[in-house]
Amino acid sequence: MAIASFLCGNSCLRQLGLEVNLIGPVGARALAASLHRNECLRSLDLSGNPLEEEGDAALLAMLEVNWSIRELK
């Protein structure tokens, strides 16, 4: 997933809206993995995506180590 790769090196993006983009569990896992190392993003909107339980779990685990994200929808 190209966005996940971008987020690994992001040093300026603070807000990202990816609502209703058909991001499933695989995409959510990729995003979560890239956000483990991202300290700039403050807000991520994934509403309307079929993340399923697996994607939700990956994002929850990411939030345990990424303290910069203040809002996750």
Protein backbone atom coordinates (compact mmCIF):
# COMPACT_ATOMS: atom_id res chain seq x y z
CA MET A 1 0.00 0.00 0.00
CA ALA A 2 1.62 3.23 -1.21
CA ILE A 3 0.13 5.42 1.52
CA ALA A 4 1.55 3.15 4.23
CA SER A 5 5.03 3.48 2.68
CA PHE A 6 4.66 7.26 2.55
CA LEU A 7 3.66 7.45 6.20
CA CYS A 8 6.88 5.75 7.32
CA GLY A 9 8.88 8.77 6.20
CA ASN A 10 6.27 11.48 6.75
CA SER A 11 7.51 14.50 8.65
CA CYS A 12 4.84 17.08 7.85
CA LEU A 13 1.38 15.54 7.33
CA ARG A 14 -0.77 16.09 10.43
CA GLN A 15 -4.21 14.98 9.21
CA LEU A 16 -5.22 12.20 6.83
CA GLY A 17 -8.73 11.45 5.62
CA LEU A 18 -9.12 8.01 4.05
CA GLU A 19 -12.82 7.56 4.70
CA VAL A 20 -14.81 5.27 2.37
CA ASN A 21 -11.81 3.91 0.43
CA LEU A 22 -12.46 0.16 0.71
CA ILE A 23 -9.51 -0.26 3.07
CA GLY A 24 -9.84 -3.74 4.50
CA PRO A 25 -7.93 -5.68 7.17
CA VAL A 26 -4.77 -6.00 5.05
CA GLY A 27 -4.66 -2.27 4.38
CA ALA A 28 -5.38 -1.48 8.02
CA ARG A 29 -2.48 -3.73 9.09
CA ALA A 30 -0.16 -1.97 6.62
CA LEU A 31 -1.24 1.45 7.88
CA ALA A 32 -0.84 0.39 11.50
CA ALA A 33 2.66 -0.96 10.83
CA SER A 34 3.76 2.27 9.17
CA LEU A 35 2.26 4.40 11.93
CA HIS A 36 4.32 2.63 14.59
CA ARG A 37 7.20 4.83 13.38
CA ASN A 38 5.30 8.01 12.51
CA GLU A 39 5.43 10.82 15.06
CA CYS A 40 3.76 13.59 13.04
CA LEU A 41 0.25 12.41 12.18
CA ARG A 42 -2.34 13.65 14.68
CA SER A 43 -5.64 12.66 13.06
CA LEU A 44 -6.60 9.65 10.92
CA ASP A 45 -10.10 9.10 9.54
CA LEU A 46 -10.79 5.57 8.32
CA SER A 47 -14.57 5.73 8.78
CA GLY A 48 -16.66 3.84 6.26
CA ASN A 49 -13.96 1.25 5.52
CA PRO A 50 -14.45 -2.51 6.01
CA LEU A 51 -11.55 -2.85 8.49
CA GLU A 52 -13.13 -5.82 10.26
CA GLU A 53 -11.98 -7.07 13.66
CA GLU A 54 -8.46 -7.85 12.41
CA GLY A 55 -7.91 -4.31 11.14
CA ASP A 56 -9.34 -2.80 14.31
CA ALA A 57 -6.98 -4.93 16.42
CA ALA A 58 -3.94 -3.81 14.38
CA LEU A 59 -4.88 -0.15 14.80
CA LEU A 60 -5.49 -0.59 18.51
CA ALA A 61 -2.05 -2.20 18.94
CA MET A 62 -0.50 0.71 17.02
CA LEU A 63 -2.13 3.22 19.36
CA GLU A 64 -0.39 1.55 22.29
CA VAL A 65 3.00 2.68 20.92
CA ASN A 66 2.11 5.77 18.85
CA TRP A 67 1.31 8.60 21.21
CA SER A 68 1.11 11.32 18.55
CA ILE A 69 -2.27 10.26 17.09
CA ARG A 70 -4.97 12.08 19.02
CA GLU A 71 -7.97 11.26 16.84
CA LEU A 72 -8.82 8.02 15.07
CA LYS A 73 -12.18 7.56 13.40
